[in-house]
């Protein structure tokens, strides 16, 4: 899953960046293996129902109160596919001709006037972007909002997706569709922190698959990894581990 759209200089800088694997650092957390039953229990419990706002985990300037007040509503779908032997999560690679080209993200987008709720936005966007049949989707809860530097207030919806599913990328918007093990989001071995030599005042998280050749080019960064970390943290909090 290599990404030919990444600028060579950007790739060189990233490869040269200082990287710390989270499971080898004081930031390590307990690993979880989420199942359908534990996800249902979480979103039926007090922590899941609270849906407190997700924090930005990166070391970078915070979004200002003024920008937060003007943030446009958007939603993403954390579509948990009930596969065997373990659930997977749907991710998409953005088309090379749009903003954030080649980045791996959760299906989603900005709210339309016809969307009654953020959940409606997430389901509509997933159907438009990847052809996900709403009839195969069971919403079980949502996370708190995440306000991005790009000017969006993102509402992550968590849903169970029952196979069979036939996913198709929307031309000009989605380059590739993939599924990753849900347990990767709740295992510190998949996360690392990186820092550029010329920007010691900043550090950013990312999630990758270091021991999986099939997913060698798949990496979650930016807002997407922030939501993944928030999801992980809420599951830990629900079990009294955070």
Protein backbone atom coordinates (compact mmCIF):
# COMPACT_ATOMS: atom_id res chain seq x y z
CA UNK A 1 0.00 0.00 0.00
CA UNK A 2 2.68 2.50 -0.95
CA UNK A 3 1.67 6.12 -1.42
CA UNK A 4 3.13 7.57 -4.64
CA UNK A 5 1.59 11.01 -4.03
CA UNK A 6 3.83 11.95 -1.07
CA UNK A 7 6.35 14.64 -1.96
CA UNK A 8 9.91 13.14 -1.95
CA UNK A 9 11.27 15.93 0.28
CA UNK A 10 8.40 15.44 2.74
CA UNK A 11 9.13 11.70 2.75
CA UNK A 12 12.84 12.34 3.34
CA UNK A 13 12.13 14.66 6.28
CA UNK A 14 9.73 12.17 7.83
CA UNK A 15 12.17 9.29 7.47
CA UNK A 16 14.86 11.40 9.16
CA UNK A 17 12.60 12.48 12.04
CA UNK A 18 13.24 11.30 15.57
CA UNK A 19 10.74 8.53 16.41
CA UNK A 20 9.78 6.98 19.73
CA UNK A 21 7.68 3.82 19.83
CA UNK A 22 5.02 4.32 22.49
CA UNK A 23 5.27 0.81 23.94
CA UNK A 24 8.95 1.52 24.65
CA UNK A 25 8.25 4.79 26.46
CA UNK A 26 6.63 6.05 29.70
CA UNK A 27 3.52 6.79 27.59
CA UNK A 28 2.74 3.05 27.32
CA UNK A 29 -0.86 2.00 28.04
CA UNK A 30 -2.46 -1.41 28.52
CA UNK A 31 -3.40 -3.12 25.27
CA UNK A 32 -7.04 -4.03 24.67
CA UNK A 33 -8.72 -6.44 22.24
CA UNK A 34 -12.18 -4.94 21.69
CA UNK A 35 -15.03 -7.32 20.85
CA UNK A 36 -18.60 -6.65 19.78
CA UNK A 37 -19.88 -7.29 23.31
CA UNK A 38 -17.35 -5.03 25.02
CA UNK A 39 -18.06 -2.20 22.54
CA UNK A 40 -21.79 -2.49 23.19
CA UNK A 41 -21.19 -2.51 26.95
CA UNK A 42 -18.95 0.56 26.72
CA UNK A 43 -21.44 2.70 24.80
CA UNK A 44 -24.28 1.62 27.09
CA UNK A 45 -22.23 2.59 30.16
CA UNK A 46 -21.63 5.98 31.79
CA UNK A 47 -18.32 6.73 30.04
CA UNK A 48 -19.66 5.90 26.59
CA UNK A 49 -22.86 7.87 27.16
CA UNK A 50 -20.95 10.90 28.43
CA UNK A 51 -19.10 11.43 25.12
CA UNK A 52 -16.80 14.15 26.45
CA UNK A 53 -14.86 16.25 23.95
CA UNK A 54 -11.71 14.59 22.63
CA UNK A 55 -8.39 16.28 23.34
CA UNK A 56 -5.60 17.00 20.87
CA UNK A 57 -2.78 14.58 21.87
CA UNK A 58 -0.11 16.21 19.69
CA UNK A 59 2.48 18.66 21.02
CA UNK A 60 1.48 21.71 18.98
CA UNK A 61 -0.39 25.02 19.45
CA UNK A 62 -4.01 24.62 20.60
CA UNK A 63 -6.96 25.73 18.49
CA UNK A 64 -7.95 29.20 19.70
CA UNK A 65 -11.36 29.80 21.32
CA UNK A 66 -12.26 32.07 18.39
CA UNK A 67 -11.46 29.35 15.86
CA UNK A 68 -13.31 26.76 17.93
CA UNK A 69 -16.43 28.90 17.93
CA UNK A 70 -16.33 29.14 14.12
CA UNK A 71 -15.52 25.47 13.44
CA UNK A 72 -17.76 23.85 10.82
CA UNK A 73 -19.64 20.66 11.82
CA UNK A 74 -18.44 17.41 10.26
CA UNK A 75 -18.62 13.70 11.06
CA UNK A 76 -16.60 10.54 10.52
CA UNK A 77 -17.68 6.93 10.78
CA UNK A 78 -15.69 4.42 12.79
CA UNK A 79 -17.17 1.44 10.98
CA UNK A 80 -16.32 -1.73 12.92
CA UNK A 81 -16.74 -4.69 10.57
CA UNK A 82 -17.66 -7.87 12.45
CA UNK A 83 -15.06 -10.12 10.84
CA UNK A 84 -13.57 -13.36 12.12
CA UNK A 85 -11.30 -13.90 13.99
CA UNK A 86 -11.52 -10.25 15.10
CA UNK A 87 -13.31 -7.03 14.15
CA UNK A 88 -11.74 -4.67 11.63
CA UNK A 89 -12.10 -0.95 11.03
CA UNK A 90 -12.73 0.72 7.67
CA UNK A 91 -10.24 3.38 6.55
CA UNK A 92 -9.88 5.19 3.24
CA UNK A 93 -7.01 6.85 1.41
CA UNK A 94 -7.81 10.31 0.09
CA UNK A 95 -7.54 10.85 -3.65
CA UNK A 96 -4.35 12.53 -4.90
CA UNK A 97 -6.35 15.38 -6.50
CA UNK A 98 -7.96 16.75 -3.30
CA UNK A 99 -6.77 18.30 -0.04
CA UNK A 100 -4.54 16.14 2.17
CA UNK A 101 -3.73 13.85 -0.78
CA UNK A 102 -2.86 10.26 0.04
CA UNK A 103 -3.72 10.56 3.73
CA UNK A 104 -5.51 7.65 5.41
CA UNK A 105 -8.72 8.73 7.15
CA UNK A 106 -12.06 7.47 8.41
CA UNK A 107 -14.97 7.89 5.96
CA UNK A 108 -16.74 11.18 6.56
CA UNK A 109 -17.09 14.84 5.71
CA UNK A 110 -18.85 18.09 6.49
CA UNK A 111 -22.51 18.25 7.47
CA UNK A 112 -25.20 19.06 4.91
CA UNK A 113 -28.35 21.04 5.64
CA UNK A 114 -30.42 17.89 5.18
CA UNK A 115 -28.57 16.01 7.93
CA UNK A 116 -30.69 15.93 11.07
CA UNK A 117 -27.82 14.82 13.32
CA UNK A 118 -24.05 14.22 13.17
CA UNK A 119 -24.80 10.49 12.99
CA UNK A 120 -26.84 11.10 9.82
CA UNK A 121 -23.84 12.94 8.36
CA UNK A 122 -21.49 10.04 9.08
CA UNK A 123 -23.79 7.42 7.54
CA UNK A 124 -24.54 9.56 4.46
CA UNK A 125 -20.87 10.33 3.86
CA UNK A 126 -19.88 6.66 4.19
CA UNK A 127 -22.53 5.68 1.65
CA UNK A 128 -21.39 8.40 -0.77
CA UNK A 129 -17.64 7.85 -0.36
CA UNK A 130 -17.38 4.05 -0.22
CA UNK A 131 -20.84 2.70 -1.07
CA UNK A 132 -21.47 1.39 2.46
CA UNK A 133 -25.08 0.17 2.62
CA UNK A 134 -26.80 1.89 5.60
CA UNK A 135 -28.82 -1.29 6.04
CA UNK A 136 -25.62 -3.08 7.12
CA UNK A 137 -24.79 -0.39 9.70
CA UNK A 138 -25.85 -0.40 13.36
CA UNK A 139 -24.86 2.73 15.26
CA UNK A 140 -23.92 1.90 18.86
CA UNK A 141 -22.66 5.28 20.04
CA UNK A 142 -20.44 8.23 19.38
CA UNK A 143 -17.33 9.83 20.78
CA UNK A 144 -17.07 13.42 21.87
CA UNK A 145 -16.27 16.05 19.24
CA UNK A 146 -12.74 16.82 18.08
CA UNK A 147 -11.94 20.37 16.92
CA UNK A 148 -9.26 20.43 14.24
CA UNK A 149 -6.78 23.08 13.10
CA UNK A 150 -8.34 22.78 9.65
CA UNK A 151 -11.52 24.43 10.95
CA UNK A 152 -13.86 21.51 11.61
CA UNK A 153 -15.69 20.22 14.67
CA UNK A 154 -15.62 16.49 13.94
CA UNK A 155 -18.19 14.15 15.51
CA UNK A 156 -16.98 10.50 15.42
CA UNK A 157 -19.79 7.94 15.16
CA UNK A 158 -19.10 4.33 16.14
CA UNK A 159 -21.08 1.65 14.33
CA UNK A 160 -21.06 -2.10 13.81
CA UNK A 161 -21.03 -3.24 10.18
CA UNK A 162 -22.30 -6.72 9.34
CA UNK A 163 -20.82 -8.51 6.32
CA UNK A 164 -21.26 -9.12 3.52
CA UNK A 165 -20.40 -5.64 2.29
CA UNK A 166 -19.42 -4.45 -1.18
CA UNK A 167 -17.38 -1.25 -0.87
CA UNK A 168 -16.52 0.96 -3.87
CA UNK A 169 -14.35 4.11 -3.72
CA UNK A 170 -15.98 7.29 -5.03
CA UNK A 171 -13.93 8.45 -8.05
CA UNK A 172 -11.99 11.65 -7.47
CA UNK A 173 -12.42 11.49 -3.71
CA UNK A 174 -11.29 8.09 -2.43
CA UNK A 175 -8.16 6.40 -3.77
CA UNK A 176 -8.28 3.14 -1.81
CA UNK A 177 -10.39 1.41 0.85
CA UNK A 178 -8.82 -0.85 3.46
CA UNK A 179 -9.70 -2.62 6.69
CA UNK A 180 -7.34 -2.71 9.65
CA UNK A 181 -7.61 -4.77 12.85
CA UNK A 182 -9.60 -2.83 15.43
CA UNK A 183 -7.14 -4.08 18.05
CA UNK A 184 -4.38 -2.03 16.34
CA UNK A 185 -6.05 1.14 17.66
CA UNK A 186 -5.89 -0.20 21.21
CA UNK A 187 -2.34 -1.53 21.20
CA UNK A 188 0.54 0.86 22.03
CA UNK A 189 2.89 -1.18 19.79
CA UNK A 190 1.19 0.44 16.78
CA UNK A 191 1.76 4.03 17.89
CA UNK A 192 4.83 6.22 17.72
CA UNK A 193 5.71 9.84 18.39
CA UNK A 194 7.80 11.72 15.84
CA UNK A 195 9.68 15.02 16.00
CA UNK A 196 11.53 16.89 13.25
CA UNK A 197 15.08 18.06 14.01
CA UNK A 198 14.19 21.67 13.10
CA UNK A 199 10.94 21.71 15.13
CA UNK A 200 11.87 20.58 18.62
CA UNK A 201 8.88 22.51 20.00
CA UNK A 202 6.44 20.11 18.31
CA UNK A 203 5.82 16.38 18.28
CA UNK A 204 3.09 14.38 16.60
CA UNK A 205 1.61 10.93 17.02
CA UNK A 206 1.12 8.40 14.24
CA UNK A 207 -0.13 4.82 13.98
CA UNK A 208 1.38 2.26 11.65
CA UNK A 209 1.78 -1.50 11.14
CA UNK A 210 5.49 -2.25 11.65
CA UNK A 211 5.12 -6.05 11.46
CA UNK A 212 2.51 -6.24 8.71
CA UNK A 213 3.94 -6.19 5.14
CA UNK A 214 0.42 -6.02 3.67
CA UNK A 215 -0.14 -2.65 5.38
CA UNK A 216 3.40 -1.28 5.11
CA UNK A 217 2.24 2.01 3.54
CA UNK A 218 -0.79 2.55 5.73
CA UNK A 219 -0.33 5.19 8.43
CA UNK A 220 -2.81 7.22 10.45
CA UNK A 221 -1.73 10.77 11.29
CA UNK A 222 -3.20 14.17 12.17
CA UNK A 223 -6.88 14.32 13.07
CA UNK A 224 -7.39 10.64 12.28
CA UNK A 225 -4.80 9.37 14.77
CA UNK A 226 -6.09 11.91 17.31
CA UNK A 227 -9.54 10.33 17.08
CA UNK A 228 -7.99 6.84 17.26
CA UNK A 229 -6.12 7.81 20.45
CA UNK A 230 -9.29 9.35 21.85
CA UNK A 231 -11.25 6.17 21.14
CA UNK A 232 -8.51 4.08 22.80
CA UNK A 233 -8.48 6.39 25.81
CA UNK A 234 -12.25 6.28 26.25
CA UNK A 235 -12.26 2.46 26.17
CA UNK A 236 -9.51 2.45 28.81
CA UNK A 237 -11.41 4.98 30.89
CA UNK A 238 -14.55 2.86 30.65
CA UNK A 239 -12.61 -0.05 32.14
CA UNK A 240 -11.02 2.08 34.85
CA UNK A 241 -7.56 1.79 33.26
CA UNK A 242 -6.98 5.43 32.33
